[in-house]
Amino acid sequence: MSAENPSPADADAALLRAAIACADRARQVAEEGGHGVTAETWATAAAELSLAAKGVAVPLPARPGK
């Protein structure tokens, strides 16, 4: 399909890539001792993107400080 109208599979793959990138960023912030709210923001974005993709789950980092 065209870039303007991606196939459902292409859209799900793009959502998955974005979710993984957000989860990686959340993990990086948490490991570097960054602000908890920053890590949680990235983790929330990853969760929302993964839920948008059909049947996709992305492992999220533990909540910093917990």
C-alpha atoms as a PDB file:
ATOM      1  CA  MET A   1       0.000   0.000   0.000  1.00  0.00           C
ATOM      2  CA  SER A   2       1.042   3.611  -0.320  1.00  0.00           C
ATOM      3  CA  ALA A   3       2.663   5.622   2.440  1.00  0.00           C
ATOM      4  CA  GLU A   4      -0.567   7.592   2.736  1.00  0.00           C
ATOM      5  CA  ASN A   5      -2.579   4.426   3.349  1.00  0.00           C
ATOM      6  CA  PRO A   6      -0.317   1.804   4.926  1.00  0.00           C
ATOM      7  CA  SER A   7      -1.575  -1.737   5.241  1.00  0.00           C
ATOM      8  CA  PRO A   8      -2.681  -2.806   8.732  1.00  0.00           C
ATOM      9  CA  ALA A   9       0.426  -4.976   8.998  1.00  0.00           C
ATOM     10  CA  ASP A  10       2.689  -2.061   8.032  1.00  0.00           C
ATOM     11  CA  ALA A  11       0.937   0.216  10.514  1.00  0.00           C
ATOM     12  CA  ASP A  12       1.284  -2.376  13.286  1.00  0.00           C
ATOM     13  CA  ALA A  13       4.979  -2.817  12.466  1.00  0.00           C
ATOM     14  CA  ALA A  14       5.538   0.942  12.638  1.00  0.00           C
ATOM     15  CA  LEU A  15       3.701   1.131  15.968  1.00  0.00           C
ATOM     16  CA  LEU A  16       5.827  -1.724  17.291  1.00  0.00           C
ATOM     17  CA  ARG A  17       9.066   0.004  16.244  1.00  0.00           C
ATOM     18  CA  ALA A  18       7.935   3.213  17.940  1.00  0.00           C
ATOM     19  CA  ALA A  19       6.906   1.327  21.090  1.00  0.00           C
ATOM     20  CA  ILE A  20      10.267  -0.429  21.287  1.00  0.00           C
ATOM     21  CA  ALA A  21      12.105   2.875  20.836  1.00  0.00           C
ATOM     22  CA  CYS A  22      10.075   4.429  23.665  1.00  0.00           C
ATOM     23  CA  ALA A  23      10.650   1.415  25.928  1.00  0.00           C
ATOM     24  CA  ASP A  24      14.385   1.572  25.213  1.00  0.00           C
ATOM     25  CA  ARG A  25      14.426   5.284  26.070  1.00  0.00           C
ATOM     26  CA  ALA A  26      12.515   4.656  29.307  1.00  0.00           C
ATOM     27  CA  ARG A  27      14.994   1.945  30.265  1.00  0.00           C
ATOM     28  CA  GLN A  28      17.938   4.229  29.436  1.00  0.00           C
ATOM     29  CA  VAL A  29      16.560   7.086  31.548  1.00  0.00           C
ATOM     30  CA  ALA A  30      15.900   4.729  34.462  1.00  0.00           C
ATOM     31  CA  GLU A  31      19.369   3.156  34.261  1.00  0.00           C
ATOM     32  CA  GLU A  32      21.019   6.576  34.129  1.00  0.00           C
ATOM     33  CA  GLY A  33      19.180   7.642  37.268  1.00  0.00           C
ATOM     34  CA  GLY A  34      17.073  10.232  35.489  1.00  0.00           C
ATOM     35  CA  HIS A  35      13.888  11.721  36.843  1.00  0.00           C
ATOM     36  CA  GLY A  36      11.238   9.085  37.505  1.00  0.00           C
ATOM     37  CA  VAL A  37       8.602  11.134  35.755  1.00  0.00           C
ATOM     38  CA  THR A  38      10.711  11.186  32.574  1.00  0.00           C
ATOM     39  CA  ALA A  39      11.116   7.405  32.558  1.00  0.00           C
ATOM     40  CA  GLU A  40       7.423   6.974  33.312  1.00  0.00           C
ATOM     41  CA  THR A  41       6.488   9.282  30.428  1.00  0.00           C
ATOM     42  CA  TRP A  42       8.527   7.204  27.972  1.00  0.00           C
ATOM     43  CA  ALA A  43       7.175   3.957  29.460  1.00  0.00           C
ATOM     44  CA  THR A  44       3.604   5.225  29.152  1.00  0.00           C
ATOM     45  CA  ALA A  45       4.187   6.145  25.513  1.00  0.00           C
ATOM     46  CA  ALA A  46       5.570   2.657  24.876  1.00  0.00           C
ATOM     47  CA  ALA A  47       2.550   1.052  26.522  1.00  0.00           C
ATOM     48  CA  GLU A  48       0.077   3.146  24.568  1.00  0.00           C
ATOM     49  CA  LEU A  49       1.822   2.454  21.258  1.00  0.00           C
ATOM     50  CA  SER A  50       2.057  -1.265  21.957  1.00  0.00           C
ATOM     51  CA  LEU A  51      -1.644  -1.403  22.779  1.00  0.00           C
ATOM     52  CA  ALA A  52      -2.401   0.365  19.516  1.00  0.00           C
ATOM     53  CA  ALA A  53      -0.628  -2.401  17.597  1.00  0.00           C
ATOM     54  CA  LYS A  54      -2.718  -5.546  17.487  1.00  0.00           C
ATOM     55  CA  GLY A  55      -1.606  -8.138  19.995  1.00  0.00           C
ATOM     56  CA  VAL A  56       1.773  -6.569  20.647  1.00  0.00           C
ATOM     57  CA  ALA A  57       3.329  -6.304  24.073  1.00  0.00           C
ATOM     58  CA  VAL A  58       6.573  -4.522  24.870  1.00  0.00           C
ATOM     59  CA  PRO A  59       8.446  -5.292  28.093  1.00  0.00           C
ATOM     60  CA  LEU A  60       8.584  -2.098  30.116  1.00  0.00           C
ATOM     61  CA  PRO A  61      11.239  -1.193  32.669  1.00  0.00           C
ATOM     62  CA  ALA A  62      10.361  -1.302  36.326  1.00  0.00           C
ATOM     63  CA  ARG A  63       9.212   1.980  37.793  1.00  0.00           C
ATOM     64  CA  PRO A  64      12.332   3.834  38.927  1.00  0.00           C
ATOM     65  CA  GLY A  65      12.776   3.835  42.664  1.00  0.00           C
ATOM     66  CA  LYS A  66      10.270   1.053  43.279  1.00  0.00           C
END
